[in-house]
Amino acid sequence: MDVSALVPPGAALISLVDEGQAVALHPQETPLVAGAGEKRRRDFALGRACARAALAVLDFPAGPVGRTDSGAPLWPDGAVGSITHTRGFAAALVGPAAQFRGLGIDAERGDAMDDALVPRLFVASERVLLSRLDAARRRDLATMLFSAKEACYKLLHPLTGQRLGFHQLEIVPGAGQFTARWLGATGDWARPLTGRFVLSDGLVVTAVGLAISAARV
């Protein structure tokens, strides 16, 4: 999958397709998944490999990508970003903190989306859009909407400290892009975010960024 269209100018995005290749953790990352199962360790290693490669593209010194108390990546000073992994795929989107307040990326497989999840995940306007589509297109759009919410959450949570629910974010899809609105937000946070997505063979990847020049207070 070509994810180059997702990268905001000044950021770096590295993705990996899991083909069983050897993927090493930094020694200081290994304890973070010491008690995890094999799948979790593999996903974590793929994501951290993408993150370290993206940091290298931006000329950050080599080193571990730790983990915060909330489970989010702990980036080195001067960097912001996020990591995603789903079955067979991982990616990291990283940028300089001098240019970005935050960055969010998410990847989802369409076969995990079920119509029974629609009321739980989507607001009324999103459900209307989904109701107009046949089953295959409905699944693709639902997967994109869900992924976009996840990407926005990864951007917003570190900045606001708030744990937003799915019904607090409204996604309006476009051609290869989407607009996200935090419902009920006030002041500058009520301004929409704009992100991009790619879809191929049932895999959706979404990305969103908040530049310093457009930063909320």
N, C-alpha and C. Protein backbone atom coordinates (compact mmCIF):
# COMPACT_ATOMS: atom_id res chain seq x y z
N MET A 1 0.84 -1.20 0.00
CA MET A 1 0.00 0.00 0.00
C MET A 1 0.88 1.25 0.00
N ASP A 2 0.55 2.18 -0.87
CA ASP A 2 1.27 3.46 -0.94
C ASP A 2 0.60 4.45 0.02
N VAL A 3 1.33 4.82 1.08
CA VAL A 3 0.78 5.73 2.08
C VAL A 3 1.38 7.12 1.97
N SER A 4 2.11 7.39 0.90
CA SER A 4 2.82 8.66 0.78
C SER A 4 1.86 9.86 0.77
N ALA A 5 0.63 9.67 0.27
CA ALA A 5 -0.32 10.77 0.20
C ALA A 5 -0.78 11.23 1.58
N LEU A 6 -0.51 10.43 2.60
CA LEU A 6 -0.97 10.76 3.96
C LEU A 6 -0.03 11.68 4.71
N VAL A 7 1.17 11.89 4.22
CA VAL A 7 2.22 12.54 5.01
C VAL A 7 2.09 14.06 4.95
N PRO A 8 1.85 14.72 6.09
CA PRO A 8 1.88 16.19 6.08
C PRO A 8 3.29 16.68 5.78
N PRO A 9 3.45 17.79 5.05
CA PRO A 9 4.78 18.32 4.77
C PRO A 9 5.58 18.54 6.05
N GLY A 10 6.79 18.02 6.06
CA GLY A 10 7.65 18.15 7.23
C GLY A 10 7.64 16.96 8.15
N ALA A 11 6.70 16.01 7.95
CA ALA A 11 6.62 14.81 8.77
C ALA A 11 7.23 13.63 8.02
N ALA A 12 7.37 12.51 8.71
CA ALA A 12 7.88 11.28 8.10
C ALA A 12 6.94 10.14 8.47
N LEU A 13 6.61 9.31 7.48
CA LEU A 13 5.76 8.15 7.70
C LEU A 13 6.48 6.92 7.18
N ILE A 14 6.63 5.93 8.04
CA ILE A 14 7.24 4.66 7.67
C ILE A 14 6.24 3.56 7.94
N SER A 15 6.03 2.66 6.97
CA SER A 15 5.12 1.54 7.15
C SER A 15 5.84 0.23 6.84
N LEU A 16 5.33 -0.85 7.41
CA LEU A 16 5.88 -2.18 7.18
C LEU A 16 4.75 -3.17 6.97
N VAL A 17 4.89 -4.01 5.97
CA VAL A 17 4.01 -5.16 5.81
C VAL A 17 4.69 -6.34 6.47
N ASP A 18 3.97 -7.02 7.35
CA ASP A 18 4.55 -8.13 8.09
C ASP A 18 4.63 -9.36 7.19
N GLU A 19 5.84 -9.69 6.78
CA GLU A 19 6.09 -10.87 5.96
C GLU A 19 6.94 -11.89 6.72
N GLY A 20 6.93 -11.78 8.04
CA GLY A 20 7.71 -12.69 8.87
C GLY A 20 9.16 -12.33 8.98
N GLN A 21 9.52 -11.13 8.52
CA GLN A 21 10.91 -10.70 8.56
C GLN A 21 11.37 -10.48 10.00
N ALA A 22 12.67 -10.56 10.20
CA ALA A 22 13.24 -10.30 11.52
C ALA A 22 13.08 -8.82 11.85
N VAL A 23 12.56 -8.53 13.03
CA VAL A 23 12.37 -7.16 13.49
C VAL A 23 12.87 -7.09 14.92
N ALA A 24 13.88 -6.27 15.15
CA ALA A 24 14.49 -6.21 16.47
C ALA A 24 13.97 -5.02 17.26
N LEU A 25 13.80 -5.21 18.56
CA LEU A 25 13.50 -4.11 19.46
C LEU A 25 14.80 -3.51 19.97
N HIS A 26 14.76 -2.22 20.30
CA HIS A 26 15.86 -1.61 21.02
C HIS A 26 15.90 -2.26 22.41
N PRO A 27 17.11 -2.49 22.97
CA PRO A 27 17.19 -3.15 24.28
C PRO A 27 16.33 -2.48 25.35
N GLN A 28 16.17 -1.16 25.28
CA GLN A 28 15.36 -0.47 26.29
C GLN A 28 13.86 -0.56 26.01
N GLU A 29 13.48 -1.07 24.83
CA GLU A 29 12.07 -1.29 24.53
C GLU A 29 11.61 -2.68 24.94
N THR A 30 12.54 -3.63 24.99
CA THR A 30 12.20 -5.01 25.27
C THR A 30 11.43 -5.20 26.57
N PRO A 31 11.81 -4.55 27.68
CA PRO A 31 11.06 -4.75 28.93
C PRO A 31 9.60 -4.30 28.85
N LEU A 32 9.27 -3.45 27.91
CA LEU A 32 7.91 -2.93 27.82
C LEU A 32 6.91 -4.00 27.42
N VAL A 33 7.37 -5.06 26.78
CA VAL A 33 6.48 -6.16 26.37
C VAL A 33 6.98 -7.50 26.90
N ALA A 34 7.73 -7.45 27.99
CA ALA A 34 8.33 -8.69 28.51
C ALA A 34 7.27 -9.72 28.88
N GLY A 35 6.13 -9.29 29.38
CA GLY A 35 5.11 -10.23 29.79
C GLY A 35 3.99 -10.43 28.79
N ALA A 36 4.16 -9.89 27.60
CA ALA A 36 3.10 -9.95 26.58
C ALA A 36 3.17 -11.24 25.78
N GLY A 37 2.07 -11.56 25.11
CA GLY A 37 2.05 -12.73 24.24
C GLY A 37 2.81 -12.49 22.95
N GLU A 38 2.96 -13.56 22.18
CA GLU A 38 3.79 -13.48 20.97
C GLU A 38 3.24 -12.47 19.97
N LYS A 39 1.92 -12.44 19.75
CA LYS A 39 1.35 -11.51 18.79
C LYS A 39 1.57 -10.07 19.24
N ARG A 40 1.34 -9.79 20.51
CA ARG A 40 1.54 -8.44 21.02
C ARG A 40 2.99 -8.01 20.87
N ARG A 41 3.92 -8.91 21.18
CA ARG A 41 5.34 -8.56 21.03
C ARG A 41 5.70 -8.29 19.58
N ARG A 42 5.13 -9.08 18.68
CA ARG A 42 5.42 -8.89 17.25
C ARG A 42 4.86 -7.55 16.77
N ASP A 43 3.61 -7.26 17.10
CA ASP A 43 3.01 -5.98 16.71
C ASP A 43 3.81 -4.81 17.27
N PHE A 44 4.19 -4.92 18.53
CA PHE A 44 4.95 -3.85 19.19
C PHE A 44 6.29 -3.64 18.49
N ALA A 45 6.96 -4.73 18.14
CA ALA A 45 8.27 -4.63 17.48
C ALA A 45 8.14 -3.98 16.11
N LEU A 46 7.11 -4.35 15.35
CA LEU A 46 6.91 -3.76 14.03
C LEU A 46 6.64 -2.26 14.15
N GLY A 47 5.79 -1.89 15.09
CA GLY A 47 5.47 -0.48 15.28
C GLY A 47 6.68 0.33 15.71
N ARG A 48 7.44 -0.21 16.66
CA ARG A 48 8.62 0.51 17.13
C ARG A 48 9.69 0.59 16.04
N ALA A 49 9.81 -0.42 15.20
CA ALA A 49 10.75 -0.36 14.08
C ALA A 49 10.37 0.77 13.12
N CYS A 50 9.06 0.91 12.84
CA CYS A 50 8.60 2.01 12.00
C CYS A 50 8.90 3.35 12.66
N ALA A 51 8.67 3.45 13.96
CA ALA A 51 8.88 4.71 14.67
C ALA A 51 10.34 5.12 14.64
N ARG A 52 11.24 4.18 14.92
CA ARG A 52 12.67 4.52 14.93
C ARG A 52 13.16 4.89 13.53
N ALA A 53 12.60 4.22 12.51
CA ALA A 53 12.98 4.56 11.13
C ALA A 53 12.48 5.94 10.75
N ALA A 54 11.26 6.29 11.18
CA ALA A 54 10.73 7.63 10.88
C ALA A 54 11.55 8.70 11.59
N LEU A 55 11.93 8.46 12.83
CA LEU A 55 12.78 9.41 13.55
C LEU A 55 14.12 9.59 12.84
N ALA A 56 14.66 8.50 12.31
CA ALA A 56 15.94 8.57 11.60
C ALA A 56 15.82 9.42 10.34
N VAL A 57 14.67 9.32 9.65
CA VAL A 57 14.45 10.14 8.45
C VAL A 57 14.53 11.62 8.81
N LEU A 58 14.06 11.96 10.01
CA LEU A 58 14.06 13.35 10.46
C LEU A 58 15.34 13.73 11.20
N ASP A 59 16.33 12.84 11.17
CA ASP A 59 17.65 13.08 11.77
C ASP A 59 17.64 13.19 13.29
N PHE A 60 16.68 12.53 13.93
CA PHE A 60 16.74 12.40 15.38
C PHE A 60 17.76 11.33 15.75
N PRO A 61 18.47 11.48 16.87
CA PRO A 61 19.45 10.47 17.27
C PRO A 61 18.79 9.11 17.48
N ALA A 62 19.53 8.05 17.18
CA ALA A 62 19.02 6.70 17.38
C ALA A 62 18.78 6.46 18.86
N GLY A 63 17.71 5.76 19.16
CA GLY A 63 17.39 5.47 20.55
C GLY A 63 16.05 4.80 20.66
N PRO A 64 15.62 4.44 21.86
CA PRO A 64 14.36 3.74 22.04
C PRO A 64 13.16 4.67 21.93
N VAL A 65 12.02 4.09 21.62
CA VAL A 65 10.74 4.79 21.72
C VAL A 65 9.99 4.14 22.87
N GLY A 66 9.92 4.83 23.97
CA GLY A 66 9.34 4.26 25.19
C GLY A 66 7.83 4.28 25.18
N ARG A 67 7.25 4.27 26.38
CA ARG A 67 5.80 4.25 26.51
C ARG A 67 5.38 5.08 27.71
N THR A 68 4.36 5.91 27.53
CA THR A 68 3.85 6.73 28.62
C THR A 68 2.96 5.88 29.53
N ASP A 69 2.53 6.45 30.65
CA ASP A 69 1.65 5.74 31.57
C ASP A 69 0.32 5.38 30.92
N SER A 70 -0.11 6.16 29.93
CA SER A 70 -1.37 5.88 29.25
C SER A 70 -1.22 4.85 28.13
N GLY A 71 0.03 4.43 27.86
CA GLY A 71 0.28 3.45 26.80
C GLY A 71 0.68 4.05 25.48
N ALA A 72 0.66 5.38 25.37
CA ALA A 72 1.06 6.04 24.12
C ALA A 72 2.58 6.00 23.96
N PRO A 73 3.08 6.14 22.74
CA PRO A 73 4.53 6.19 22.54
C PRO A 73 5.15 7.37 23.29
N LEU A 74 6.32 7.15 23.82
CA LEU A 74 7.08 8.21 24.49
C LEU A 74 8.18 8.65 23.53
N TRP A 75 7.96 9.78 22.88
CA TRP A 75 8.87 10.24 21.84
C TRP A 75 10.04 10.99 22.45
N PRO A 76 11.17 11.01 21.77
CA PRO A 76 12.30 11.81 22.27
C PRO A 76 11.97 13.29 22.24
N ASP A 77 12.69 14.05 23.03
CA ASP A 77 12.47 15.50 23.06
C ASP A 77 12.54 16.06 21.64
N GLY A 78 11.57 16.90 21.32
CA GLY A 78 11.56 17.54 20.01
C GLY A 78 10.78 16.81 18.95
N ALA A 79 10.15 15.66 19.31
CA ALA A 79 9.39 14.89 18.33
C ALA A 79 7.98 14.64 18.84
N VAL A 80 7.03 14.54 17.91
CA VAL A 80 5.66 14.12 18.21
C VAL A 80 5.27 13.09 17.16
N GLY A 81 4.25 12.30 17.47
CA GLY A 81 3.82 11.33 16.49
C GLY A 81 2.90 10.28 17.07
N SER A 82 2.62 9.26 16.28
CA SER A 82 1.85 8.13 16.77
C SER A 82 2.19 6.90 15.94
N ILE A 83 1.77 5.75 16.48
CA ILE A 83 2.07 4.44 15.91
C ILE A 83 0.77 3.68 15.75
N THR A 84 0.68 2.84 14.71
CA THR A 84 -0.47 1.98 14.54
C THR A 84 -0.03 0.60 14.07
N HIS A 85 -0.82 -0.39 14.42
CA HIS A 85 -0.60 -1.72 13.84
C HIS A 85 -1.93 -2.46 13.80
N THR A 86 -2.10 -3.22 12.74
CA THR A 86 -3.23 -4.11 12.59
C THR A 86 -2.68 -5.38 11.97
N ARG A 87 -3.52 -6.33 11.69
CA ARG A 87 -3.03 -7.61 11.20
C ARG A 87 -2.17 -7.45 9.95
N GLY A 88 -0.88 -7.78 10.07
CA GLY A 88 0.01 -7.78 8.93
C GLY A 88 0.54 -6.44 8.50
N PHE A 89 0.29 -5.39 9.27
CA PHE A 89 0.68 -4.04 8.84
C PHE A 89 0.95 -3.18 10.06
N ALA A 90 1.98 -2.34 9.95
CA ALA A 90 2.30 -1.38 11.02
C ALA A 90 2.83 -0.11 10.37
N ALA A 91 2.67 1.01 11.06
CA ALA A 91 3.16 2.29 10.54
C ALA A 91 3.36 3.27 11.70
N ALA A 92 4.20 4.25 11.45
CA ALA A 92 4.43 5.33 12.41
C ALA A 92 4.52 6.64 11.64
N LEU A 93 3.90 7.67 12.21
CA LEU A 93 3.93 9.02 11.65
C LEU A 93 4.57 9.93 12.69
N VAL A 94 5.65 10.59 12.30
CA VAL A 94 6.46 11.38 13.25
C VAL A 94 6.78 12.73 12.62
N GLY A 95 6.82 13.75 13.47
CA GLY A 95 7.20 15.08 13.00
C GLY A 95 7.91 15.86 14.08
N PRO A 96 8.58 16.94 13.72
CA PRO A 96 9.25 17.78 14.72
C PRO A 96 8.24 18.58 15.53
N ALA A 97 8.46 18.63 16.84
CA ALA A 97 7.55 19.39 17.71
C ALA A 97 7.60 20.88 17.42
N ALA A 98 8.65 21.35 16.77
CA ALA A 98 8.71 22.76 16.38
C ALA A 98 7.73 23.07 15.26
N GLN A 99 7.23 22.04 14.58
CA GLN A 99 6.32 22.24 13.46
C GLN A 99 4.91 21.72 13.74
N PHE A 100 4.79 20.68 14.58
CA PHE A 100 3.50 20.05 14.84
C PHE A 100 3.19 20.00 16.33
N ARG A 101 1.94 20.32 16.67
CA ARG A 101 1.46 20.07 18.02
C ARG A 101 1.22 18.58 18.21
N GLY A 102 0.69 17.93 17.19
CA GLY A 102 0.40 16.51 17.29
C GLY A 102 0.17 15.89 15.94
N LEU A 103 0.29 14.55 15.89
CA LEU A 103 0.06 13.76 14.69
C LEU A 103 -0.64 12.47 15.10
N GLY A 104 -1.58 12.04 14.26
CA GLY A 104 -2.27 10.79 14.54
C GLY A 104 -2.32 9.91 13.31
N ILE A 105 -2.11 8.60 13.50
CA ILE A 105 -2.22 7.64 12.41
C ILE A 105 -2.91 6.40 12.92
N ASP A 106 -3.71 5.78 12.06
CA ASP A 106 -4.39 4.55 12.43
C ASP A 106 -4.60 3.68 11.20
N ALA A 107 -4.57 2.37 11.40
CA ALA A 107 -4.81 1.40 10.34
C ALA A 107 -5.83 0.37 10.83
N GLU A 108 -6.77 0.01 9.98
CA GLU A 108 -7.82 -0.93 10.35
C GLU A 108 -8.12 -1.86 9.17
N ARG A 109 -8.46 -3.11 9.49
CA ARG A 109 -8.91 -4.08 8.50
C ARG A 109 -10.43 -4.08 8.43
N GLY A 110 -10.96 -4.03 7.21
CA GLY A 110 -12.39 -3.96 7.04
C GLY A 110 -13.13 -5.18 7.53
N ASP A 111 -12.49 -6.35 7.55
CA ASP A 111 -13.20 -7.55 7.96
C ASP A 111 -13.51 -7.58 9.45
N ALA A 112 -12.96 -6.60 10.19
CA ALA A 112 -13.28 -6.50 11.62
C ALA A 112 -14.52 -5.66 11.88
N MET A 113 -15.05 -5.02 10.83
CA MET A 113 -16.19 -4.13 10.99
C MET A 113 -17.50 -4.89 10.79
N ASP A 114 -18.42 -4.69 11.70
CA ASP A 114 -19.70 -5.39 11.68
C ASP A 114 -20.82 -4.36 11.82
N ASP A 115 -21.93 -4.59 11.12
CA ASP A 115 -23.06 -3.65 11.20
C ASP A 115 -23.55 -3.47 12.63
N ALA A 116 -23.38 -4.48 13.46
CA ALA A 116 -23.85 -4.39 14.84
C ALA A 116 -23.10 -3.32 15.63
N LEU A 117 -21.91 -2.92 15.14
CA LEU A 117 -21.11 -1.91 15.84
C LEU A 117 -21.54 -0.48 15.49
N VAL A 118 -22.32 -0.34 14.44
CA VAL A 118 -22.64 1.01 13.93
C VAL A 118 -23.24 1.92 14.99
N PRO A 119 -24.27 1.51 15.73
CA PRO A 119 -24.84 2.45 16.72
C PRO A 119 -23.84 2.84 17.81
N ARG A 120 -22.94 1.95 18.15
CA ARG A 120 -21.96 2.22 19.20
C ARG A 120 -20.88 3.18 18.75
N LEU A 121 -20.52 3.14 17.46
CA LEU A 121 -19.35 3.88 16.98
C LEU A 121 -19.67 5.21 16.32
N PHE A 122 -20.87 5.36 15.75
CA PHE A 122 -21.10 6.47 14.83
C PHE A 122 -22.26 7.36 15.26
N VAL A 123 -22.10 8.66 14.98
CA VAL A 123 -23.15 9.63 15.28
C VAL A 123 -24.19 9.59 14.16
N ALA A 124 -25.30 10.33 14.36
CA ALA A 124 -26.43 10.24 13.44
C ALA A 124 -26.06 10.55 12.00
N SER A 125 -25.28 11.60 11.78
CA SER A 125 -24.93 11.99 10.41
C SER A 125 -24.11 10.90 9.72
N GLU A 126 -23.24 10.22 10.47
CA GLU A 126 -22.44 9.13 9.91
C GLU A 126 -23.31 7.92 9.61
N ARG A 127 -24.27 7.65 10.47
CA ARG A 127 -25.17 6.51 10.24
C ARG A 127 -26.03 6.73 9.00
N VAL A 128 -26.41 7.98 8.75
CA VAL A 128 -27.18 8.27 7.54
C VAL A 128 -26.35 7.96 6.30
N LEU A 129 -25.11 8.39 6.28
CA LEU A 129 -24.23 8.10 5.14
C LEU A 129 -24.10 6.60 4.92
N LEU A 130 -23.91 5.86 5.99
CA LEU A 130 -23.73 4.41 5.88
C LEU A 130 -25.00 3.73 5.38
N SER A 131 -26.14 4.23 5.77
CA SER A 131 -27.41 3.59 5.40
C SER A 131 -27.69 3.68 3.91
N ARG A 132 -27.02 4.56 3.21
CA ARG A 132 -27.27 4.76 1.78
C ARG A 132 -26.43 3.83 0.90
N LEU A 133 -25.57 3.02 1.50
CA LEU A 133 -24.61 2.23 0.73
C LEU A 133 -24.94 0.74 0.76
N ASP A 134 -24.46 0.03 -0.27
CA ASP A 134 -24.58 -1.43 -0.23
C ASP A 134 -23.59 -1.99 0.79
N ALA A 135 -23.66 -3.26 1.05
CA ALA A 135 -22.91 -3.87 2.15
C ALA A 135 -21.40 -3.67 2.02
N ALA A 136 -20.85 -3.86 0.82
CA ALA A 136 -19.40 -3.77 0.65
C ALA A 136 -18.92 -2.33 0.85
N ARG A 137 -19.61 -1.38 0.24
CA ARG A 137 -19.19 0.02 0.39
C ARG A 137 -19.45 0.53 1.80
N ARG A 138 -20.51 0.00 2.44
CA ARG A 138 -20.80 0.38 3.82
C ARG A 138 -19.68 -0.07 4.75
N ARG A 139 -19.18 -1.26 4.53
CA ARG A 139 -18.08 -1.75 5.37
C ARG A 139 -16.82 -0.91 5.17
N ASP A 140 -16.51 -0.56 3.92
CA ASP A 140 -15.32 0.27 3.66
C ASP A 140 -15.45 1.63 4.33
N LEU A 141 -16.62 2.26 4.18
CA LEU A 141 -16.80 3.58 4.77
C LEU A 141 -16.80 3.50 6.29
N ALA A 142 -17.46 2.51 6.85
CA ALA A 142 -17.47 2.37 8.31
C ALA A 142 -16.06 2.17 8.85
N THR A 143 -15.26 1.40 8.14
CA THR A 143 -13.87 1.18 8.58
C THR A 143 -13.08 2.47 8.53
N MET A 144 -13.29 3.26 7.46
CA MET A 144 -12.59 4.54 7.35
C MET A 144 -13.02 5.50 8.46
N LEU A 145 -14.32 5.59 8.71
CA LEU A 145 -14.82 6.49 9.75
C LEU A 145 -14.24 6.11 11.12
N PHE A 146 -14.25 4.83 11.41
CA PHE A 146 -13.71 4.36 12.68
C PHE A 146 -12.22 4.66 12.79
N SER A 147 -11.48 4.38 11.72
CA SER A 147 -10.04 4.64 11.72
C SER A 147 -9.74 6.12 11.88
N ALA A 148 -10.51 6.97 11.22
CA ALA A 148 -10.31 8.41 11.34
C ALA A 148 -10.53 8.87 12.77
N LYS A 149 -11.52 8.32 13.45
CA LYS A 149 -11.75 8.67 14.85
C LYS A 149 -10.57 8.26 15.71
N GLU A 150 -10.03 7.09 15.44
CA GLU A 150 -8.88 6.61 16.20
C GLU A 150 -7.66 7.50 15.96
N ALA A 151 -7.42 7.88 14.71
CA ALA A 151 -6.29 8.76 14.41
C ALA A 151 -6.45 10.11 15.11
N CYS A 152 -7.67 10.65 15.09
CA CYS A 152 -7.91 11.93 15.76
C CYS A 152 -7.73 11.81 17.27
N TYR A 153 -8.18 10.70 17.84
CA TYR A 153 -8.00 10.49 19.27
C TYR A 153 -6.51 10.49 19.63
N LYS A 154 -5.70 9.82 18.81
CA LYS A 154 -4.27 9.76 19.08
C LYS A 154 -3.62 11.13 19.03
N LEU A 155 -4.16 12.01 18.20
CA LEU A 155 -3.67 13.39 18.15
C LEU A 155 -4.16 14.19 19.36
N LEU A 156 -5.46 14.08 19.67
CA LEU A 156 -6.08 14.96 20.66
C LEU A 156 -5.78 14.57 22.10
N HIS A 157 -5.73 13.29 22.40
CA HIS A 157 -5.59 12.89 23.81
C HIS A 157 -4.32 13.42 24.46
N PRO A 158 -3.14 13.31 23.82
CA PRO A 158 -1.94 13.87 24.47
C PRO A 158 -2.01 15.38 24.68
N LEU A 159 -2.76 16.07 23.83
CA LEU A 159 -2.84 17.53 23.93
C LEU A 159 -3.85 18.00 24.96
N THR A 160 -4.93 17.26 25.12
CA THR A 160 -6.03 17.71 25.97
C THR A 160 -6.16 16.90 27.26
N GLY A 161 -5.62 15.69 27.28
CA GLY A 161 -5.80 14.81 28.43
C GLY A 161 -7.18 14.21 28.53
N GLN A 162 -8.03 14.46 27.55
CA GLN A 162 -9.40 13.96 27.59
C GLN A 162 -9.52 12.65 26.80
N ARG A 163 -10.32 11.74 27.37
CA ARG A 163 -10.59 10.46 26.71
C ARG A 163 -11.91 10.59 25.94
N LEU A 164 -11.81 10.94 24.70
CA LEU A 164 -13.00 11.19 23.89
C LEU A 164 -13.67 9.89 23.49
N GLY A 165 -15.00 9.87 23.58
CA GLY A 165 -15.76 8.74 23.10
C GLY A 165 -16.02 8.84 21.61
N PHE A 166 -16.45 7.73 21.01
CA PHE A 166 -16.68 7.72 19.57
C PHE A 166 -17.76 8.72 19.17
N HIS A 167 -18.75 8.94 20.01
CA HIS A 167 -19.84 9.85 19.68
C HIS A 167 -19.47 11.30 19.90
N GLN A 168 -18.25 11.57 20.35
CA GLN A 168 -17.80 12.95 20.49
C GLN A 168 -17.05 13.44 19.26
N LEU A 169 -16.80 12.56 18.31
CA LEU A 169 -16.11 12.92 17.08
C LEU A 169 -17.01 12.62 15.89
N GLU A 170 -17.18 13.61 15.03
CA GLU A 170 -17.96 13.45 13.81
C GLU A 170 -17.02 13.55 12.61
N ILE A 171 -17.07 12.55 11.76
CA ILE A 171 -16.21 12.50 10.58
C ILE A 171 -17.05 12.73 9.33
N VAL A 172 -16.60 13.65 8.48
CA VAL A 172 -17.25 13.91 7.19
C VAL A 172 -16.26 13.49 6.10
N PRO A 173 -16.57 12.43 5.35
CA PRO A 173 -15.62 11.93 4.35
C PRO A 173 -15.65 12.72 3.06
N GLY A 174 -14.51 12.74 2.39
CA GLY A 174 -14.39 13.32 1.06
C GLY A 174 -13.57 12.39 0.19
N ALA A 175 -13.07 12.89 -0.93
CA ALA A 175 -12.26 12.09 -1.85
C ALA A 175 -10.84 11.99 -1.32
N GLY A 176 -10.52 10.90 -0.64
CA GLY A 176 -9.18 10.70 -0.11
C GLY A 176 -8.88 11.52 1.12
N GLN A 177 -9.87 12.22 1.64
CA GLN A 177 -9.64 13.03 2.83
C GLN A 177 -10.89 13.04 3.70
N PHE A 178 -10.77 13.59 4.90
CA PHE A 178 -11.92 13.69 5.78
C PHE A 178 -11.76 14.93 6.66
N THR A 179 -12.89 15.38 7.17
CA THR A 179 -12.92 16.45 8.17
C THR A 179 -13.45 15.87 9.46
N ALA A 180 -12.81 16.21 10.57
CA ALA A 180 -13.21 15.71 11.88
C ALA A 180 -13.58 16.88 12.77
N ARG A 181 -14.70 16.70 13.48
CA ARG A 181 -15.17 17.75 14.37
C ARG A 181 -15.40 17.16 15.76
N TRP A 182 -14.87 17.83 16.77
CA TRP A 182 -15.06 17.44 18.16
C TRP A 182 -16.38 18.05 18.62
N LEU A 183 -17.41 17.23 18.73
CA LEU A 183 -18.74 17.71 19.09
C LEU A 183 -18.75 18.17 20.54
N GLY A 184 -19.31 19.34 20.76
CA GLY A 184 -19.37 19.88 22.11
C GLY A 184 -18.15 20.65 22.54
N ALA A 185 -17.12 20.68 21.72
CA ALA A 185 -15.91 21.44 22.06
C ALA A 185 -16.21 22.93 21.97
N THR A 186 -15.47 23.69 22.73
CA THR A 186 -15.63 25.14 22.71
C THR A 186 -14.33 25.81 22.32
N GLY A 187 -14.42 27.09 21.98
CA GLY A 187 -13.23 27.85 21.63
C GLY A 187 -12.53 27.28 20.42
N ASP A 188 -11.22 27.35 20.45
CA ASP A 188 -10.43 26.94 19.29
C ASP A 188 -10.53 25.46 19.00
N TRP A 189 -10.84 24.64 20.03
CA TRP A 189 -10.95 23.20 19.79
C TRP A 189 -12.19 22.84 18.98
N ALA A 190 -13.12 23.79 18.81
CA ALA A 190 -14.29 23.54 17.98
C ALA A 190 -13.97 23.61 16.50
N ARG A 191 -12.78 24.11 16.16
CA ARG A 191 -12.38 24.15 14.75
C ARG A 191 -12.11 22.73 14.25
N PRO A 192 -12.54 22.41 13.02
CA PRO A 192 -12.35 21.05 12.52
C PRO A 192 -10.89 20.73 12.20
N LEU A 193 -10.59 19.45 12.25
CA LEU A 193 -9.31 18.91 11.79
C LEU A 193 -9.51 18.31 10.41
N THR A 194 -8.49 18.35 9.59
CA THR A 194 -8.55 17.74 8.26
C THR A 194 -7.48 16.65 8.16
N GLY A 195 -7.90 15.48 7.72
CA GLY A 195 -6.97 14.36 7.56
C GLY A 195 -7.12 13.72 6.20
N ARG A 196 -6.34 12.68 5.98
CA ARG A 196 -6.36 11.95 4.72
C ARG A 196 -6.47 10.45 4.98
N PHE A 197 -6.91 9.72 3.96
CA PHE A 197 -6.98 8.27 4.10
C PHE A 197 -6.64 7.59 2.78
N VAL A 198 -6.20 6.35 2.88
CA VAL A 198 -6.02 5.48 1.72
C VAL A 198 -6.69 4.15 2.04
N LEU A 199 -7.23 3.51 1.01
CA LEU A 199 -7.94 2.24 1.14
C LEU A 199 -7.47 1.31 0.05
N SER A 200 -7.07 0.10 0.43
CA SER A 200 -6.62 -0.88 -0.55
C SER A 200 -6.83 -2.28 0.01
N ASP A 201 -7.57 -3.10 -0.74
CA ASP A 201 -7.79 -4.51 -0.37
C ASP A 201 -8.27 -4.66 1.07
N GLY A 202 -9.20 -3.80 1.45
CA GLY A 202 -9.79 -3.93 2.76
C GLY A 202 -9.00 -3.33 3.90
N LEU A 203 -7.83 -2.76 3.62
CA LEU A 203 -7.03 -2.10 4.63
C LEU A 203 -7.18 -0.59 4.48
N VAL A 204 -7.55 0.08 5.56
CA VAL A 204 -7.68 1.53 5.58
C VAL A 204 -6.60 2.11 6.49
N VAL A 205 -5.91 3.14 6.01
CA VAL A 205 -4.96 3.88 6.84
C VAL A 205 -5.37 5.35 6.80
N THR A 206 -5.48 5.95 7.98
CA THR A 206 -5.85 7.36 8.10
C THR A 206 -4.76 8.11 8.84
N ALA A 207 -4.63 9.39 8.54
CA ALA A 207 -3.64 10.23 9.22
C ALA A 207 -4.16 11.64 9.34
N VAL A 208 -3.79 12.29 10.45
CA VAL A 208 -4.22 13.66 10.71
C VAL A 208 -3.10 14.38 11.45
N GLY A 209 -2.93 15.66 11.17
CA GLY A 209 -1.90 16.44 11.83
C GLY A 209 -2.41 17.79 12.24
N LEU A 210 -1.81 18.34 13.30
CA LEU A 210 -2.12 19.69 13.75
C LEU A 210 -0.82 20.48 13.78
N ALA A 211 -0.69 21.39 12.82
CA ALA A 211 0.53 22.18 12.71
C ALA A 211 0.54 23.27 13.76
N ILE A 212 1.74 23.70 14.15
CA ILE A 212 1.88 24.79 15.11
C ILE A 212 1.16 26.03 14.62
N SER A 213 1.22 26.27 13.32
CA SER A 213 0.59 27.47 12.76
C SER A 213 -0.92 27.47 12.89
N ALA A 214 -1.49 26.24 13.12
CA ALA A 214 -2.95 26.14 13.29
C ALA A 214 -3.30 25.62 14.68
N ALA A 215 -2.36 25.75 15.61
CA ALA A 215 -2.52 25.10 16.91
C ALA A 215 -3.65 25.69 17.71
N ARG A 216 -4.33 24.83 18.46
CA ARG A 216 -5.33 25.25 19.42
C ARG A 216 -4.64 25.68 20.70
N VAL A 217 -5.32 26.49 21.48
CA VAL A 217 -4.75 26.94 22.75
C VAL A 217 -5.36 26.16 23.90
